[in-house]
N, C-alpha and C. Protein backbone atom coordinates (compact mmCIF):
# COMPACT_ATOMS: atom_id res chain seq x y z
N UNK A 1 0.68 -1.40 0.05
CA UNK A 1 0.06 0.27 0.01
C UNK A 1 0.80 1.27 0.32
N UNK A 2 0.55 2.29 -0.76
CA UNK A 2 1.45 3.44 -1.13
C UNK A 2 0.66 4.51 -0.87
N UNK A 3 0.88 5.59 -0.37
CA UNK A 3 -0.14 6.51 -0.36
C UNK A 3 0.55 8.03 -0.75
N UNK A 4 0.08 8.53 -2.06
CA UNK A 4 0.08 9.29 -2.92
C UNK A 4 0.50 10.81 -2.06
N UNK A 5 0.43 10.65 -1.01
CA UNK A 5 0.96 11.98 0.32
C UNK A 5 2.18 12.19 0.72
N UNK A 6 2.63 10.45 0.70
CA UNK A 6 3.68 10.51 1.36
C UNK A 6 4.90 11.38 0.52
N UNK A 7 5.89 11.88 1.06
CA UNK A 7 6.78 12.59 0.26
C UNK A 7 8.38 11.73 0.35
N UNK A 8 8.92 12.01 -0.62
CA UNK A 8 10.03 11.76 -0.41
C UNK A 8 11.47 12.66 -1.43
N UNK A 9 12.68 12.49 -0.94
CA UNK A 9 13.70 13.14 -1.25
C UNK A 9 14.25 12.50 -2.85
N UNK A 10 14.65 13.55 -3.81
CA UNK A 10 15.02 12.96 -5.04
C UNK A 10 16.49 13.23 -4.87
N UNK A 11 17.62 12.31 -4.78
CA UNK A 11 18.97 12.51 -4.90
C UNK A 11 19.43 12.69 -5.72
N UNK A 12 20.38 13.66 -6.58
CA UNK A 12 21.14 13.47 -7.37
C UNK A 12 22.43 13.28 -7.41
N UNK A 13 23.04 12.50 -8.31
CA UNK A 13 24.74 12.44 -8.68
C UNK A 13 25.03 11.61 -7.14
N UNK A 14 26.33 12.13 -6.81
CA UNK A 14 26.79 11.45 -5.70
C UNK A 14 26.35 12.07 -4.32
N UNK A 15 25.07 12.90 -4.12
CA UNK A 15 25.02 13.76 -3.14
C UNK A 15 24.93 12.52 -1.95
N UNK A 16 25.37 12.80 -0.86
CA UNK A 16 25.17 11.85 0.35
C UNK A 16 23.92 11.76 0.68
N UNK A 17 23.60 10.47 1.10
CA UNK A 17 21.90 10.14 1.77
C UNK A 17 21.31 10.81 2.75
N UNK A 18 20.07 11.52 2.55
CA UNK A 18 19.65 12.13 3.13
C UNK A 18 18.34 11.48 3.68
N UNK A 19 17.95 11.24 4.86
CA UNK A 19 16.51 10.71 5.42
C UNK A 19 15.44 11.68 4.76
N UNK A 20 14.41 10.65 4.60
CA UNK A 20 13.49 11.12 3.66
C UNK A 20 12.76 11.70 5.06
N UNK A 21 11.73 12.83 4.39
CA UNK A 21 10.92 13.54 5.47
C UNK A 21 9.99 12.39 6.25
N UNK A 22 9.76 12.86 7.50
CA UNK A 22 8.65 12.43 8.14
C UNK A 22 7.41 13.15 8.82
N UNK A 23 6.44 12.51 9.07
CA UNK A 23 5.35 13.04 9.41
C UNK A 23 5.13 12.74 11.20
N UNK A 24 4.85 13.43 12.01
CA UNK A 24 4.64 13.11 13.41
C UNK A 24 3.24 13.18 13.46
N UNK A 25 2.69 12.13 14.52
CA UNK A 25 1.30 12.35 14.93
C UNK A 25 1.65 12.37 16.46
N UNK A 26 1.20 13.39 17.29
CA UNK A 26 1.39 13.47 18.70
C UNK A 26 0.01 13.29 19.44
N UNK A 27 -0.12 12.18 20.24
CA UNK A 27 -1.52 12.33 20.83
C UNK A 27 -1.41 12.88 21.98
N UNK A 28 -2.14 13.74 22.49
CA UNK A 28 -1.97 14.73 23.43
C UNK A 28 -3.43 14.27 24.55
N UNK A 29 -3.02 13.94 25.77
CA UNK A 29 -3.97 13.74 26.74
C UNK A 29 -3.92 14.48 28.10
N UNK A 30 -4.50 14.39 28.84
CA UNK A 30 -5.12 15.21 29.70
C UNK A 30 -3.48 15.46 30.83
N UNK A 31 -3.27 14.14 31.58
CA UNK A 31 -2.07 14.11 32.49
C UNK A 31 -2.18 13.34 33.51
N UNK A 32 -0.76 13.05 34.50
CA UNK A 32 -1.11 12.16 35.34
C UNK A 32 -0.08 12.27 36.19
N UNK A 33 0.12 12.11 37.46
CA UNK A 33 1.03 12.13 38.63
C UNK A 33 2.04 11.46 38.09
N UNK A 34 3.03 11.73 38.77
CA UNK A 34 3.90 10.21 38.46
C UNK A 34 3.95 9.26 39.64
N UNK A 35 3.49 9.37 40.63
CA UNK A 35 3.05 9.07 42.02
C UNK A 35 2.18 9.13 42.64
N UNK A 36 1.77 8.48 43.36
CA UNK A 36 0.45 8.73 44.60
C UNK A 36 1.11 9.43 45.92
N UNK A 37 2.62 9.25 46.09
CA UNK A 37 2.72 10.01 47.15
C UNK A 37 2.81 11.64 47.32
N UNK A 38 2.72 12.11 48.22
CA UNK A 38 2.50 13.80 48.49
C UNK A 38 3.05 14.81 47.11
N UNK A 39 4.57 14.37 47.28
CA UNK A 39 4.95 15.51 46.42
C UNK A 39 4.59 15.18 44.54
N UNK A 40 4.71 13.87 44.60
CA UNK A 40 4.67 14.07 42.99
C UNK A 40 2.97 14.50 42.73
N UNK A 41 1.91 14.19 43.79
CA UNK A 41 0.85 14.61 43.58
C UNK A 41 0.58 16.06 43.49
N UNK A 42 1.46 16.83 44.73
CA UNK A 42 1.30 18.17 44.38
C UNK A 42 2.01 18.80 43.04
N UNK A 43 3.19 18.32 42.84
CA UNK A 43 3.65 18.99 41.32
C UNK A 43 2.57 18.78 40.50
N UNK A 44 1.76 17.61 40.29
CA UNK A 44 0.89 17.33 39.64
C UNK A 44 -0.36 18.50 39.60
N UNK A 45 -0.59 18.46 40.75
CA UNK A 45 -2.02 19.56 40.83
C UNK A 45 -1.47 21.15 41.04
N UNK A 46 -0.64 21.30 41.21
CA UNK A 46 0.06 22.78 41.27
C UNK A 46 0.04 23.06 39.69
N UNK A 47 0.73 22.30 38.64
CA UNK A 47 0.37 22.58 37.30
C UNK A 47 -0.70 22.68 36.75
N UNK A 48 -1.84 21.64 37.33
CA UNK A 48 -3.28 21.35 36.92
C UNK A 48 -3.94 22.91 37.11
N UNK A 49 -4.03 23.03 38.51
CA UNK A 49 -4.72 24.11 39.54
C UNK A 49 -4.14 25.53 39.10
N UNK A 50 -3.19 25.74 38.22
CA UNK A 50 -2.50 27.03 38.02
C UNK A 50 -2.64 27.18 36.25
N UNK A 51 -3.32 26.22 35.80
CA UNK A 51 -3.79 26.60 34.25
C UNK A 51 -4.72 27.89 34.32
N UNK A 52 -4.77 28.91 33.59
CA UNK A 52 -5.83 29.86 33.44
C UNK A 52 -6.97 29.38 32.87
N UNK A 53 -6.60 28.36 32.08
CA UNK A 53 -7.84 27.65 31.48
C UNK A 53 -8.41 26.73 32.08
N UNK A 54 -7.91 26.30 32.88
CA UNK A 54 -8.87 25.51 34.17
C UNK A 54 -9.42 26.17 35.18
N UNK A 55 -8.69 27.23 35.29
CA UNK A 55 -9.21 28.06 36.74
C UNK A 55 -9.42 29.35 36.29
N UNK A 56 -10.48 29.96 36.14
CA UNK A 56 -10.83 31.50 35.31
C UNK A 56 -10.87 32.45 36.75
N UNK A 57 -9.90 32.25 37.46
CA UNK A 57 -10.24 33.34 38.69
C UNK A 57 -8.37 34.26 38.27
N UNK A 58 -8.70 35.31 38.56
CA UNK A 58 -7.49 36.37 38.61
C UNK A 58 -6.36 35.63 39.26
N UNK A 59 -5.14 35.55 39.11
CA UNK A 59 -4.16 34.74 39.82
C UNK A 59 -3.79 35.41 41.28
N UNK A 60 -4.19 36.88 41.26
CA UNK A 60 -3.83 37.56 42.33
C UNK A 60 -4.67 37.10 43.32
N UNK A 61 -6.12 36.62 43.16
CA UNK A 61 -6.87 35.77 44.03
C UNK A 61 -6.68 34.31 44.57
N UNK A 62 -6.64 33.67 43.38
CA UNK A 62 -6.19 32.42 43.23
C UNK A 62 -5.05 31.77 43.72
N UNK A 63 -3.75 32.53 43.47
CA UNK A 63 -2.35 31.86 43.90
C UNK A 63 -2.37 31.67 45.65
N UNK A 64 -2.59 32.77 46.09
CA UNK A 64 -2.94 32.41 47.85
C UNK A 64 -3.25 31.29 48.26
N UNK A 65 -4.79 30.87 47.80
CA UNK A 65 -5.88 29.99 48.04
C UNK A 65 -5.05 28.55 47.97
N UNK A 66 -4.50 28.64 46.43
CA UNK A 66 -3.94 27.55 45.58
C UNK A 66 -2.97 27.11 46.87
N UNK A 67 -1.72 27.92 46.98
CA UNK A 67 -0.64 27.74 47.84
C UNK A 67 -0.86 27.67 49.42
N UNK A 68 -1.56 27.68 49.81
CA UNK A 68 -1.70 27.93 51.42
C UNK A 68 -2.80 27.25 51.75
N UNK A 69 -3.63 26.86 51.11
CA UNK A 69 -5.00 25.90 51.29
C UNK A 69 -4.98 24.42 50.68
N UNK A 70 -5.20 24.66 49.20
CA UNK A 70 -5.46 23.40 48.24
C UNK A 70 -4.56 22.56 48.31
N UNK A 71 -3.27 23.10 48.10
CA UNK A 71 -1.50 22.32 47.78
C UNK A 71 -1.62 21.83 48.73
N UNK A 72 -1.73 22.10 50.47
CA UNK A 72 -1.61 21.77 51.53
C UNK A 72 -2.30 20.47 52.16
N UNK A 73 -3.22 20.24 51.83
CA UNK A 73 -4.24 19.04 51.97
C UNK A 73 -4.70 18.43 50.77
N UNK A 74 -4.95 18.73 49.61
CA UNK A 74 -5.28 17.93 48.20
C UNK A 74 -4.76 16.83 48.16
N UNK A 75 -3.24 16.98 47.92
CA UNK A 75 -2.47 16.06 47.20
C UNK A 75 -2.64 14.92 48.20
N UNK A 76 -2.61 14.71 49.34
CA UNK A 76 -2.94 13.53 50.35
C UNK A 76 -4.13 12.65 50.04
N UNK A 77 -5.15 13.80 49.96
CA UNK A 77 -6.77 13.27 49.60
C UNK A 77 -6.65 12.67 48.22
N UNK A 78 -5.81 13.26 47.30
CA UNK A 78 -6.19 12.64 45.79
C UNK A 78 -5.20 11.51 45.70
N UNK A 79 -3.92 11.78 46.29
CA UNK A 79 -3.25 10.47 46.37
C UNK A 79 -3.67 9.41 46.55
N UNK A 80 -4.70 9.22 47.79
CA UNK A 80 -5.48 8.24 48.00
C UNK A 80 -6.38 7.51 47.12
N UNK A 81 -7.09 8.78 46.50
CA UNK A 81 -7.93 8.04 45.52
C UNK A 81 -7.48 7.68 44.32
N UNK A 82 -5.98 8.13 43.73
CA UNK A 82 -5.31 7.32 42.79
C UNK A 82 -4.77 5.96 43.06
N UNK A 83 -4.40 6.11 44.38
CA UNK A 83 -3.77 4.73 44.97
C UNK A 83 -4.81 3.75 44.69
N UNK A 84 -6.19 4.15 44.93
CA UNK A 84 -7.09 2.96 44.80
C UNK A 84 -7.46 2.55 43.28
N UNK A 85 -6.97 3.29 42.26
CA UNK A 85 -7.14 2.67 40.64
C UNK A 85 -5.45 2.53 40.05
N UNK A 86 -4.50 2.79 41.07
CA UNK A 86 -3.16 2.67 40.27
C UNK A 86 -2.98 1.75 39.99
N UNK A 87 -2.38 1.42 38.57
CA UNK A 87 -2.07 0.10 38.20
C UNK A 87 -0.49 -0.29 38.77
N UNK A 88 -0.84 -1.44 39.56
CA UNK A 88 0.50 -2.11 40.05
C UNK A 88 1.22 -2.61 39.45
N UNK A 89 0.81 -3.28 38.50
CA UNK A 89 1.91 -3.97 37.48
C UNK A 89 2.52 -3.22 36.96
N UNK A 90 2.19 -2.02 36.36
CA UNK A 90 3.02 -1.20 35.00
C UNK A 90 3.23 0.02 36.05
N UNK A 91 2.80 0.39 37.44
CA UNK A 91 3.74 1.20 38.25
C UNK A 91 3.25 2.69 37.30
N UNK A 92 1.83 2.73 37.19
CA UNK A 92 1.30 3.89 36.34
C UNK A 92 -0.24 4.18 36.50
N UNK A 93 -0.71 5.03 36.41
CA UNK A 93 -2.10 5.57 36.49
C UNK A 93 -2.79 5.15 34.96
N UNK A 94 -3.92 4.68 35.23
CA UNK A 94 -4.61 4.22 34.17
C UNK A 94 -4.41 4.81 32.62
N UNK A 95 -4.67 6.36 33.22
CA UNK A 95 -4.75 7.39 31.88
C UNK A 95 -3.49 6.86 31.10
N UNK A 96 -2.43 7.11 32.12
CA UNK A 96 -1.03 6.90 30.92
C UNK A 96 -0.85 5.62 30.47
N UNK A 97 -1.42 4.78 31.18
CA UNK A 97 -1.20 3.04 30.70
C UNK A 97 -2.33 3.23 29.09
N UNK A 98 -3.20 4.02 28.91
CA UNK A 98 -4.08 3.67 28.26
C UNK A 98 -3.67 4.32 27.04
N UNK A 99 -3.46 5.60 27.26
CA UNK A 99 -3.21 6.39 26.32
C UNK A 99 -1.46 5.96 25.54
N UNK A 100 -0.56 5.18 26.45
CA UNK A 100 0.48 4.44 25.81
C UNK A 100 0.16 3.40 24.87
N UNK A 101 -0.96 2.66 25.33
CA UNK A 101 -1.74 1.75 24.54
C UNK A 101 -2.31 2.03 23.17
N UNK A 102 -3.05 3.20 23.52
CA UNK A 102 -3.72 3.59 22.21
C UNK A 102 -2.48 4.30 21.11
N UNK A 103 -1.33 4.84 21.69
CA UNK A 103 -0.77 4.88 20.96
C UNK A 103 0.23 4.15 20.29
N UNK A 104 0.43 2.89 20.54
CA UNK A 104 1.31 1.91 20.44
C UNK A 104 0.15 0.87 19.16
N UNK A 105 -1.02 1.20 19.66
CA UNK A 105 -2.24 0.63 18.48
C UNK A 105 -2.19 1.36 17.38
N UNK A 106 -2.10 2.80 17.20
CA UNK A 106 -2.35 3.47 16.26
C UNK A 106 -0.94 3.46 15.48
N UNK A 107 -0.05 3.55 16.05
CA UNK A 107 1.67 3.12 15.52
C UNK A 107 1.19 1.81 14.51
N UNK A 108 1.05 0.86 15.39
CA UNK A 108 0.86 -0.67 14.35
C UNK A 108 0.02 -0.47 12.98
N UNK A 109 -1.16 0.69 13.34
CA UNK A 109 -2.10 0.71 12.31
C UNK A 109 -1.52 1.47 11.03
N UNK A 110 -0.90 2.34 11.68
CA UNK A 110 -0.18 3.09 10.56
C UNK A 110 0.89 2.35 9.77
N UNK A 111 1.79 1.35 10.40
CA UNK A 111 2.81 0.69 9.76
C UNK A 111 2.63 0.36 8.55
N UNK A 112 1.50 0.51 7.94
CA UNK A 112 1.62 0.11 6.40
C UNK A 112 2.18 1.31 6.01
N UNK A 113 2.24 2.49 5.91
CA UNK A 113 2.85 3.72 5.63
C UNK A 113 4.17 3.36 5.68
N UNK A 114 4.68 2.43 6.34
CA UNK A 114 5.95 2.67 6.18
C UNK A 114 6.95 3.30 7.21
N UNK A 115 8.00 4.19 7.08
CA UNK A 115 8.34 4.59 8.01
C UNK A 115 8.35 5.94 8.17
N UNK A 116 7.74 6.29 7.21
CA UNK A 116 7.07 7.92 6.95
C UNK A 116 6.45 8.81 8.21
N UNK A 117 5.86 7.67 9.00
CA UNK A 117 4.81 8.23 10.30
C UNK A 117 5.54 7.63 11.41
N UNK A 118 5.62 8.74 12.54
CA UNK A 118 5.97 8.53 13.48
C UNK A 118 4.83 8.70 14.52
N UNK A 119 4.47 7.93 15.51
CA UNK A 119 3.68 8.45 16.32
C UNK A 119 4.02 8.15 17.82
N UNK A 120 3.63 9.58 18.30
CA UNK A 120 4.27 9.28 19.72
C UNK A 120 3.05 10.09 20.96
N UNK A 121 3.30 10.26 21.77
CA UNK A 121 2.11 10.63 23.03
C UNK A 121 3.16 11.54 24.08
N UNK A 122 2.03 12.84 24.88
CA UNK A 122 2.52 13.28 25.63
C UNK A 122 1.57 13.96 26.37
N UNK A 123 1.42 14.34 27.82
CA UNK A 123 0.38 14.96 28.53
C UNK A 123 0.54 16.45 29.03
N UNK A 124 -0.33 16.89 29.01
CA UNK A 124 -0.77 18.54 29.29
C UNK A 124 -0.07 18.68 30.83
N UNK A 125 -0.67 17.77 31.88
CA UNK A 125 0.06 17.87 33.07
C UNK A 125 1.04 16.94 33.39
N UNK A 126 2.02 17.07 33.68
CA UNK A 126 2.52 15.60 34.08
C UNK A 126 4.02 15.40 32.85
N UNK A 127 4.33 14.21 32.73
CA UNK A 127 4.72 13.47 32.00
C UNK A 127 4.32 12.27 31.29
N UNK A 128 4.52 12.28 30.06
CA UNK A 128 5.66 12.85 29.47
C UNK A 128 5.34 14.40 28.78
N UNK A 129 6.43 15.06 29.01
CA UNK A 129 5.46 16.56 28.78
C UNK A 129 5.69 16.55 27.34
N UNK A 130 4.22 17.59 26.77
CA UNK A 130 4.30 17.90 25.48
C UNK A 130 5.64 18.52 24.75
N UNK A 131 6.37 19.37 25.50
CA UNK A 131 7.60 19.59 24.75
C UNK A 131 8.82 18.69 24.42
N UNK A 132 9.01 17.87 25.45
CA UNK A 132 9.72 16.67 25.03
C UNK A 132 9.56 15.97 24.23
N UNK A 133 8.23 15.60 23.81
CA UNK A 133 7.96 14.71 22.69
C UNK A 133 7.92 15.38 21.35
N UNK A 134 7.58 16.75 21.31
CA UNK A 134 8.02 17.38 20.04
C UNK A 134 9.19 17.50 19.46
N UNK A 135 10.30 17.78 21.01
CA UNK A 135 11.58 17.81 20.72
C UNK A 135 12.35 16.07 20.12
N UNK A 136 11.25 14.99 20.77
CA UNK A 136 11.97 13.94 20.23
C UNK A 136 11.43 13.96 18.56
N UNK A 137 10.24 13.99 18.27
CA UNK A 137 9.63 14.31 16.59
C UNK A 137 10.30 14.76 16.08
N UNK A 138 11.06 15.89 16.40
CA UNK A 138 12.13 16.89 15.81
C UNK A 138 13.46 15.76 15.52
N UNK A 139 13.84 15.52 16.32
CA UNK A 139 15.16 14.60 15.96
C UNK A 139 14.82 13.29 15.34
N UNK A 140 13.51 13.24 15.18
CA UNK A 140 13.56 11.57 14.50
C UNK A 140 13.27 12.04 12.92
N UNK A 141 13.61 13.40 12.48
CA UNK A 141 13.26 14.00 11.19
C UNK A 141 11.71 14.18 10.83
N UNK A 142 10.61 14.53 11.53
CA UNK A 142 9.40 14.76 11.15
C UNK A 142 9.30 16.58 11.13
N UNK A 143 8.99 16.94 9.65
CA UNK A 143 9.24 18.27 9.62
C UNK A 143 7.23 18.84 9.77
N UNK A 144 6.59 17.59 9.53
CA UNK A 144 5.15 17.75 9.63
C UNK A 144 4.61 17.21 10.86
N UNK A 145 3.69 17.95 11.94
CA UNK A 145 3.30 17.22 13.10
C UNK A 145 1.86 17.57 12.95
N UNK A 146 1.37 16.55 13.21
CA UNK A 146 -0.36 16.90 14.01
C UNK A 146 -0.50 16.23 15.02
N UNK A 147 -1.16 17.63 15.58
CA UNK A 147 -1.54 17.41 17.46
C UNK A 147 -2.96 16.70 17.42
N UNK A 148 -2.69 16.00 18.33
CA UNK A 148 -4.07 14.95 18.31
C UNK A 148 -4.69 15.38 19.52
N UNK A 149 -5.37 15.79 20.55
CA UNK A 149 -5.57 16.10 21.40
C UNK A 149 -7.02 15.27 21.45
N UNK A 150 -7.04 14.34 22.52
CA UNK A 150 -7.92 13.10 22.49
C UNK A 150 -9.21 13.60 23.07
N UNK A 151 -9.96 14.25 22.89
CA UNK A 151 -11.11 15.15 23.60
C UNK A 151 -11.97 15.01 22.02
N UNK A 152 -12.96 14.23 22.26
CA UNK A 152 -13.85 14.62 20.46
C UNK A 152 -14.62 15.62 20.77
N UNK A 153 -15.32 16.01 21.59
CA UNK A 153 -15.56 17.48 21.84
C UNK A 153 -14.97 18.53 22.16
N UNK A 154 -14.60 19.61 21.43
CA UNK A 154 -13.98 21.03 21.98
C UNK A 154 -14.34 21.60 23.06
N UNK A 155 -13.04 21.79 24.24
CA UNK A 155 -13.40 22.41 25.38
C UNK A 155 -12.25 23.13 25.60
N UNK A 156 -12.44 24.84 26.41
CA UNK A 156 -11.11 25.27 26.23
C UNK A 156 -10.34 24.78 27.62
N UNK A 157 -10.82 24.31 28.72
CA UNK A 157 -10.22 23.40 30.05
C UNK A 157 -9.11 22.19 29.08
N UNK A 158 -9.59 21.65 28.37
CA UNK A 158 -8.98 20.25 27.71
C UNK A 158 -8.17 20.66 26.42
N UNK A 159 -9.13 20.42 25.46
CA UNK A 159 -8.04 20.90 23.96
C UNK A 159 -7.89 21.94 23.66
N UNK A 160 -8.38 22.95 24.35
CA UNK A 160 -7.44 24.73 23.80
C UNK A 160 -6.06 24.54 24.88
N UNK A 161 -6.14 23.96 25.72
CA UNK A 161 -4.85 24.19 27.00
C UNK A 161 -3.73 22.89 26.07
N UNK A 162 -4.34 21.77 25.98
CA UNK A 162 -3.16 21.14 25.06
C UNK A 162 -2.40 21.34 24.25
N UNK A 163 -3.49 22.53 23.13
CA UNK A 163 -2.39 22.80 22.08
C UNK A 163 -1.70 24.06 22.38
N UNK A 164 -2.56 24.85 23.43
CA UNK A 164 -1.60 25.95 24.39
C UNK A 164 -0.20 25.32 24.40
N UNK A 165 0.01 24.37 25.05
CA UNK A 165 1.12 23.83 25.58
C UNK A 165 2.01 23.61 24.52
N UNK A 166 1.61 23.32 23.59
CA UNK A 166 2.37 22.83 22.42
C UNK A 166 2.77 23.74 21.58
N UNK A 167 1.85 24.59 21.48
CA UNK A 167 2.71 25.84 20.76
C UNK A 167 3.46 26.91 21.84
N UNK A 168 3.33 26.89 23.48
CA UNK A 168 3.93 27.33 24.02
C UNK A 168 5.42 26.83 23.55
N UNK A 169 5.65 25.33 23.41
CA UNK A 169 7.09 24.67 23.66
C UNK A 169 7.76 24.88 21.93
N UNK A 170 6.57 25.14 21.04
CA UNK A 170 7.48 25.66 19.78
C UNK A 170 7.90 26.86 19.79
N UNK A 171 7.45 27.72 20.38
CA UNK A 171 7.67 29.32 20.65
C UNK A 171 9.44 29.41 20.98
N UNK A 172 9.89 28.33 21.92
CA UNK A 172 11.32 28.29 22.35
C UNK A 172 11.92 27.31 21.33
N UNK A 173 11.57 26.62 20.41
CA UNK A 173 12.25 25.84 19.47
C UNK A 173 12.47 26.91 18.56
N UNK A 174 14.06 26.86 17.76
CA UNK A 174 14.30 27.27 16.73
C UNK A 174 14.24 26.67 15.21
N UNK A 175 13.86 25.35 15.39
CA UNK A 175 13.38 24.83 13.94
C UNK A 175 11.70 24.81 14.10
N UNK A 176 11.38 24.93 13.44
CA UNK A 176 9.75 25.05 13.25
C UNK A 176 9.40 23.88 12.27
N UNK A 177 8.46 23.23 12.81
CA UNK A 177 7.59 22.00 11.72
C UNK A 177 6.29 22.46 11.53
N UNK A 178 5.88 22.00 10.22
CA UNK A 178 4.36 22.21 9.95
C UNK A 178 3.40 21.75 11.08
N UNK A 179 2.49 22.70 11.55
CA UNK A 179 1.80 22.00 12.42
C UNK A 179 0.35 21.98 11.93
N UNK A 180 -0.50 21.09 11.94
CA UNK A 180 -1.90 21.03 12.03
C UNK A 180 -2.25 20.52 13.35
N UNK A 181 -3.63 20.61 13.91
CA UNK A 181 -4.44 20.45 15.14
C UNK A 181 -5.78 19.45 14.66
N UNK A 182 -5.85 18.75 15.45
CA UNK A 182 -6.81 17.79 14.87
C UNK A 182 -8.24 18.51 15.19
N UNK A 183 -9.40 18.60 14.09
CA UNK A 183 -10.69 19.35 14.70
C UNK A 183 -11.71 18.54 15.68
N UNK A 184 -12.55 19.03 16.12
CA UNK A 184 -13.45 18.20 17.02
C UNK A 184 -14.17 17.52 16.26
N UNK A 185 -14.51 16.11 16.78
CA UNK A 185 -14.87 14.84 15.79
C UNK A 185 -15.99 14.29 16.39
N UNK A 186 -16.80 14.85 17.19
CA UNK A 186 -17.69 14.24 18.44
C UNK A 186 -18.73 13.59 17.52
N UNK A 187 -19.11 14.08 16.52
CA UNK A 187 -20.30 14.05 15.50
C UNK A 187 -19.98 13.26 14.22
N UNK A 188 -18.51 12.88 13.93
CA UNK A 188 -18.58 12.05 12.91
C UNK A 188 -18.78 10.72 13.14
N UNK A 189 -19.35 10.35 11.85
CA UNK A 189 -20.22 9.16 12.09
C UNK A 189 -19.31 7.78 12.35
N UNK A 190 -18.06 7.81 12.10
CA UNK A 190 -17.26 6.93 11.92
C UNK A 190 -16.73 6.55 13.41
N UNK A 191 -16.62 7.61 13.95
CA UNK A 191 -16.29 8.02 15.83
C UNK A 191 -17.80 7.26 16.41
N UNK A 192 -19.10 7.97 15.99
CA UNK A 192 -20.27 7.33 17.25
C UNK A 192 -20.36 5.84 16.54
N UNK A 193 -20.20 5.20 16.03
CA UNK A 193 -20.28 3.70 14.99
C UNK A 193 -19.06 2.96 16.21
N UNK A 194 -17.83 3.70 16.21
CA UNK A 194 -16.71 2.74 16.89
C UNK A 194 -17.34 3.00 18.50
N UNK A 195 -17.98 4.05 18.70
CA UNK A 195 -18.18 4.06 20.03
C UNK A 195 -19.32 2.99 20.35
N UNK A 196 -20.54 3.22 19.53
CA UNK A 196 -21.42 2.51 19.51
C UNK A 196 -21.23 0.96 19.87
N UNK A 197 -20.33 0.39 18.79
CA UNK A 197 -20.01 -0.87 18.70
C UNK A 197 -19.13 -1.49 20.05
N UNK A 198 -18.49 -0.66 20.27
CA UNK A 198 -17.80 -0.72 21.81
C UNK A 198 -18.50 -0.59 22.85
N UNK A 199 -19.49 -0.39 22.99
CA UNK A 199 -20.41 -0.17 24.05
C UNK A 199 -21.08 -1.60 24.27
N UNK A 200 -21.87 -1.85 22.80
CA UNK A 200 -22.32 -3.22 22.44
C UNK A 200 -21.80 -4.25 23.10
N UNK A 201 -20.52 -4.22 22.43
CA UNK A 201 -19.54 -5.53 22.92
C UNK A 201 -19.51 -6.00 24.38
N UNK A 202 -19.43 -4.47 24.73
CA UNK A 202 -19.17 -4.64 26.71
C UNK A 202 -20.30 -5.06 27.18
N UNK A 203 -21.50 -4.63 26.88
CA UNK A 203 -22.88 -4.99 27.68
C UNK A 203 -23.26 -6.53 26.81
N UNK A 204 -22.86 -7.00 25.77
CA UNK A 204 -23.37 -8.30 25.37
C UNK A 204 -22.09 -9.40 26.36
N UNK A 205 -20.85 -8.79 26.74
CA UNK A 205 -20.20 -9.64 27.53
C UNK A 205 -20.58 -9.68 29.11
N UNK A 206 -21.42 -8.89 29.53
CA UNK A 206 -21.66 -8.93 30.72
C UNK A 206 -22.37 -10.14 31.46
N UNK A 207 -23.45 -10.62 30.36
CA UNK A 207 -24.02 -11.69 31.16
C UNK A 207 -25.59 -11.27 31.52
N UNK A 208 -25.64 -10.11 31.44
CA UNK A 208 -26.71 -9.62 32.21
C UNK A 208 -27.23 -8.50 31.50
N UNK A 209 -28.62 -7.89 31.54
CA UNK A 209 -28.98 -6.66 30.75
C UNK A 209 -29.35 -5.43 31.66
N UNK A 210 -28.49 -4.46 31.43
CA UNK A 210 -28.65 -3.60 32.36
C UNK A 210 -29.86 -2.66 31.79
N UNK A 211 -30.63 -2.06 33.19
CA UNK A 211 -31.60 -1.35 33.05
C UNK A 211 -31.58 -0.08 32.73
N UNK A 212 -30.50 0.79 33.01
CA UNK A 212 -30.23 2.15 32.46
C UNK A 212 -28.66 1.99 32.23
N UNK A 213 -28.30 2.99 31.56
CA UNK A 213 -26.79 3.28 31.19
C UNK A 213 -26.64 4.93 30.89
N UNK A 214 -25.70 4.91 32.25
CA UNK A 214 -25.37 6.15 32.42
C UNK A 214 -23.88 6.61 31.43
N UNK A 215 -24.12 7.57 30.78
CA UNK A 215 -22.51 7.73 29.84
C UNK A 215 -22.12 8.77 29.80
N UNK A 216 -20.82 9.04 30.05
CA UNK A 216 -20.08 10.58 30.61
C UNK A 216 -18.97 10.57 29.37
N UNK A 217 -19.45 11.63 28.73
CA UNK A 217 -18.50 11.61 27.61
C UNK A 217 -17.54 13.18 27.98
N UNK A 218 -15.96 12.65 27.95
CA UNK A 218 -15.31 13.35 28.28
C UNK A 218 -14.14 13.60 27.20
N UNK A 219 -12.81 12.19 27.41
CA UNK A 219 -12.01 11.99 26.51
C UNK A 219 -11.75 10.68 26.71
N UNK A 220 -10.79 10.18 25.41
CA UNK A 220 -10.56 8.96 25.28
C UNK A 220 -9.28 8.50 25.94
């Protein structure tokens, strides 16, 4: 299978080999603490709750509240909640594991295009940072990058802040790739069918029929 949109370099004469241009696909998700203990949780919560896209309160008011009250008590409580769902086998949060597995699955699907497409992932808050993954894509020869925030519907505290972070990182880089962002796709028939198929398969595997299904649409 070949894609007419894939690009190649034509090398003339005895010119030394030049790596072919690559396209990067960067999956962006919300974020995760590195650990459930106090200080990793505090770092994660501080970054998250300092984001003006998330907390739309003037900093002169919010900063004292955040540092004097919330960040002294919330890390312990949130750490206990995270610990109850923490993946002990891989020592990571479910969101980190799922995002990594999604990236690996997408990379496998796009492998039919050869080595011209590189798939990676980053977190808006926590690690791996979006900046570090953009630099990694650059170092692999990607001169075009698709930013793919894993939120079907647009919202400023989710989609917008993920792209904000990517563009903030790009502003500090001398080298600039061509950038595209994935538009909202909550109403795309293919996405709707995929969600319906997933729900149907899960319900069929329950062995009993639920009377009510409550769905929360947030991110992937």
